[in-house]
Amino acid sequence: MRELERLIKGRKCHFELYYSSVMDFCMKLYLKAYNEDGSDLVIFNEQDSDLDYLISKCKVVFKNWLLENEGGY
């Protein structure tokens, strides 16, 4: 989780994590007002019963997005 925090720090990212007994763990990572029309750019939005897996998957998706869109992380 600390590595994900380090990647997010200094960027205009918003991170939401919550637990629902109906939907398991839910995680969303997005950039607020990123698109030209002012809409948010959702980078990661998924749910899973395994929190560690969800955090790891979010890190991989976010790192790949940074590599493709910002030249690295």
N, C-alpha and C. Protein backbone atom coordinates (compact mmCIF):
# COMPACT_ATOMS: atom_id res chain seq x y z
N MET A 1 0.82 -1.19 0.00
CA MET A 1 0.00 0.00 0.00
C MET A 1 0.87 1.25 0.00
N ARG A 2 2.02 1.19 0.65
CA ARG A 2 2.90 2.37 0.69
C ARG A 2 3.42 2.74 -0.70
N GLU A 3 3.71 1.73 -1.52
CA GLU A 3 4.20 2.02 -2.87
C GLU A 3 3.11 2.72 -3.69
N LEU A 4 1.89 2.28 -3.53
CA LEU A 4 0.78 2.93 -4.23
C LEU A 4 0.63 4.38 -3.75
N GLU A 5 0.77 4.61 -2.45
CA GLU A 5 0.72 5.97 -1.91
C GLU A 5 1.83 6.83 -2.51
N ARG A 6 3.02 6.27 -2.65
CA ARG A 6 4.16 7.00 -3.22
C ARG A 6 3.89 7.39 -4.68
N LEU A 7 3.29 6.47 -5.43
CA LEU A 7 2.98 6.76 -6.83
C LEU A 7 1.93 7.85 -6.97
N ILE A 8 0.96 7.86 -6.07
CA ILE A 8 -0.13 8.82 -6.13
C ILE A 8 0.32 10.20 -5.65
N LYS A 9 1.20 10.24 -4.67
CA LYS A 9 1.63 11.51 -4.07
C LYS A 9 2.21 12.45 -5.13
N GLY A 10 1.78 13.69 -5.10
CA GLY A 10 2.28 14.68 -6.04
C GLY A 10 1.51 14.74 -7.34
N ARG A 11 0.54 13.86 -7.50
CA ARG A 11 -0.31 13.88 -8.69
C ARG A 11 -1.73 14.22 -8.25
N LYS A 12 -2.52 14.67 -9.18
CA LYS A 12 -3.90 15.02 -8.85
C LYS A 12 -4.80 13.79 -8.94
N CYS A 13 -4.36 12.74 -8.26
CA CYS A 13 -5.11 11.49 -8.25
C CYS A 13 -6.05 11.45 -7.05
N HIS A 14 -7.14 10.80 -7.27
CA HIS A 14 -8.08 10.55 -6.18
C HIS A 14 -8.19 9.04 -6.03
N PHE A 15 -8.19 8.61 -4.79
CA PHE A 15 -8.15 7.18 -4.47
C PHE A 15 -9.30 6.88 -3.51
N GLU A 16 -10.14 5.93 -3.87
CA GLU A 16 -11.24 5.53 -3.00
C GLU A 16 -11.14 4.03 -2.74
N LEU A 17 -11.29 3.67 -1.49
CA LEU A 17 -11.28 2.27 -1.09
C LEU A 17 -12.37 2.08 -0.05
N TYR A 18 -13.24 1.13 -0.30
CA TYR A 18 -14.28 0.86 0.69
C TYR A 18 -14.66 -0.61 0.66
N TYR A 19 -15.31 -1.02 1.74
CA TYR A 19 -15.74 -2.42 1.86
C TYR A 19 -17.25 -2.45 1.98
N SER A 20 -17.84 -3.35 1.25
CA SER A 20 -19.27 -3.58 1.32
C SER A 20 -19.51 -5.07 1.47
N SER A 21 -20.33 -5.44 2.42
CA SER A 21 -20.59 -6.87 2.61
C SER A 21 -21.32 -7.47 1.40
N VAL A 22 -21.91 -6.63 0.59
CA VAL A 22 -22.60 -7.10 -0.61
C VAL A 22 -21.63 -7.19 -1.80
N MET A 23 -20.67 -6.23 -1.88
CA MET A 23 -19.80 -6.13 -3.07
C MET A 23 -18.32 -6.41 -2.80
N ASP A 24 -17.92 -6.83 -1.61
CA ASP A 24 -16.52 -7.05 -1.28
C ASP A 24 -15.78 -5.71 -1.15
N PHE A 25 -14.47 -5.72 -1.42
CA PHE A 25 -13.67 -4.51 -1.43
C PHE A 25 -13.80 -3.83 -2.78
N CYS A 26 -13.94 -2.53 -2.77
CA CYS A 26 -14.04 -1.76 -4.00
C CYS A 26 -12.94 -0.70 -4.00
N MET A 27 -12.26 -0.55 -5.11
CA MET A 27 -11.16 0.40 -5.22
C MET A 27 -11.30 1.17 -6.52
N LYS A 28 -11.09 2.48 -6.40
CA LYS A 28 -11.17 3.35 -7.58
C LYS A 28 -10.01 4.35 -7.52
N LEU A 29 -9.32 4.49 -8.64
CA LEU A 29 -8.23 5.45 -8.78
C LEU A 29 -8.53 6.27 -10.02
N TYR A 30 -8.60 7.60 -9.86
CA TYR A 30 -8.94 8.44 -11.00
C TYR A 30 -8.28 9.81 -10.90
N LEU A 31 -8.20 10.47 -12.03
CA LEU A 31 -7.68 11.83 -12.10
C LEU A 31 -8.86 12.77 -12.30
N LYS A 32 -9.02 13.69 -11.39
CA LYS A 32 -10.16 14.61 -11.42
C LYS A 32 -9.98 15.64 -12.52
N ALA A 33 -11.02 15.84 -13.30
CA ALA A 33 -11.06 16.84 -14.37
C ALA A 33 -9.86 16.73 -15.31
N TYR A 34 -9.48 15.53 -15.68
CA TYR A 34 -8.30 15.28 -16.51
C TYR A 34 -8.58 15.50 -18.00
N ASN A 35 -9.74 15.10 -18.44
CA ASN A 35 -10.07 15.19 -19.87
C ASN A 35 -10.37 16.63 -20.27
N GLU A 36 -10.27 16.91 -21.56
CA GLU A 36 -10.49 18.26 -22.08
C GLU A 36 -11.87 18.80 -21.74
N ASP A 37 -12.86 17.93 -21.66
CA ASP A 37 -14.21 18.38 -21.34
C ASP A 37 -14.44 18.52 -19.83
N GLY A 38 -13.40 18.33 -19.04
CA GLY A 38 -13.49 18.48 -17.59
C GLY A 38 -13.93 17.23 -16.85
N SER A 39 -14.14 16.15 -17.58
CA SER A 39 -14.55 14.91 -16.93
C SER A 39 -13.35 14.18 -16.32
N ASP A 40 -13.66 13.30 -15.38
CA ASP A 40 -12.63 12.53 -14.70
C ASP A 40 -12.12 11.41 -15.60
N LEU A 41 -10.86 11.05 -15.42
CA LEU A 41 -10.29 9.90 -16.12
C LEU A 41 -10.12 8.78 -15.10
N VAL A 42 -10.91 7.74 -15.24
CA VAL A 42 -10.84 6.60 -14.33
C VAL A 42 -9.74 5.67 -14.83
N ILE A 43 -8.74 5.46 -13.99
CA ILE A 43 -7.62 4.59 -14.32
C ILE A 43 -7.89 3.17 -13.83
N PHE A 44 -8.49 3.05 -12.66
CA PHE A 44 -8.75 1.73 -12.08
C PHE A 44 -10.06 1.80 -11.30
N ASN A 45 -10.94 0.83 -11.51
CA ASN A 45 -12.20 0.77 -10.79
C ASN A 45 -12.66 -0.68 -10.77
N GLU A 46 -12.34 -1.38 -9.68
CA GLU A 46 -12.67 -2.80 -9.61
C GLU A 46 -13.05 -3.20 -8.20
N GLN A 47 -13.58 -4.41 -8.09
CA GLN A 47 -13.92 -4.97 -6.79
C GLN A 47 -13.41 -6.41 -6.71
N ASP A 48 -13.08 -6.83 -5.47
CA ASP A 48 -12.59 -8.19 -5.26
C ASP A 48 -12.71 -8.51 -3.78
N SER A 49 -12.76 -9.77 -3.44
CA SER A 49 -12.82 -10.18 -2.03
C SER A 49 -11.44 -10.16 -1.38
N ASP A 50 -10.38 -10.14 -2.17
CA ASP A 50 -9.01 -10.16 -1.67
C ASP A 50 -8.40 -8.76 -1.78
N LEU A 51 -8.24 -8.10 -0.66
CA LEU A 51 -7.74 -6.72 -0.66
C LEU A 51 -6.31 -6.64 -1.17
N ASP A 52 -5.45 -7.57 -0.76
CA ASP A 52 -4.06 -7.55 -1.23
C ASP A 52 -3.96 -7.68 -2.75
N TYR A 53 -4.76 -8.56 -3.30
CA TYR A 53 -4.79 -8.73 -4.76
C TYR A 53 -5.26 -7.45 -5.44
N LEU A 54 -6.28 -6.82 -4.88
CA LEU A 54 -6.83 -5.61 -5.46
C LEU A 54 -5.81 -4.47 -5.45
N ILE A 55 -5.09 -4.32 -4.35
CA ILE A 55 -4.06 -3.28 -4.26
C ILE A 55 -2.94 -3.55 -5.26
N SER A 56 -2.50 -4.80 -5.35
CA SER A 56 -1.43 -5.16 -6.29
C SER A 56 -1.86 -4.92 -7.73
N LYS A 57 -3.08 -5.28 -8.05
CA LYS A 57 -3.58 -5.08 -9.41
C LYS A 57 -3.67 -3.59 -9.74
N CYS A 58 -4.10 -2.79 -8.78
CA CYS A 58 -4.20 -1.34 -8.99
C CYS A 58 -2.81 -0.75 -9.24
N LYS A 59 -1.80 -1.20 -8.49
CA LYS A 59 -0.44 -0.71 -8.70
C LYS A 59 0.05 -1.02 -10.11
N VAL A 60 -0.18 -2.23 -10.58
CA VAL A 60 0.26 -2.63 -11.91
C VAL A 60 -0.44 -1.80 -12.99
N VAL A 61 -1.74 -1.65 -12.87
CA VAL A 61 -2.51 -0.87 -13.84
C VAL A 61 -2.05 0.59 -13.84
N PHE A 62 -1.83 1.16 -12.65
CA PHE A 62 -1.41 2.56 -12.56
C PHE A 62 0.01 2.75 -13.09
N LYS A 63 0.91 1.83 -12.80
CA LYS A 63 2.27 1.93 -13.34
C LYS A 63 2.26 1.85 -14.86
N ASN A 64 1.47 0.94 -15.41
CA ASN A 64 1.37 0.84 -16.87
C ASN A 64 0.80 2.12 -17.46
N TRP A 65 -0.19 2.71 -16.81
CA TRP A 65 -0.77 3.97 -17.29
C TRP A 65 0.28 5.08 -17.26
N LEU A 66 1.06 5.14 -16.17
CA LEU A 66 2.11 6.15 -16.07
C LEU A 66 3.17 5.97 -17.15
N LEU A 67 3.55 4.73 -17.44
CA LEU A 67 4.53 4.47 -18.47
C LEU A 67 4.03 4.91 -19.85
N GLU A 68 2.78 4.63 -20.13
CA GLU A 68 2.21 4.96 -21.44
C GLU A 68 1.91 6.44 -21.60
N ASN A 69 1.51 7.12 -20.52
CA ASN A 69 1.01 8.49 -20.63
C ASN A 69 1.94 9.57 -20.09
N GLU A 70 2.83 9.20 -19.18
CA GLU A 70 3.72 10.18 -18.60
C GLU A 70 5.20 9.83 -18.75
N GLY A 71 5.47 8.79 -19.49
CA GLY A 71 6.85 8.39 -19.75
C GLY A 71 7.54 7.69 -18.60
N GLY A 72 6.84 7.36 -17.56
CA GLY A 72 7.44 6.66 -16.44
C GLY A 72 6.79 7.04 -15.13
N TYR A 73 7.34 6.49 -14.07
CA TYR A 73 6.80 6.79 -12.74
C TYR A 73 7.90 7.04 -11.75
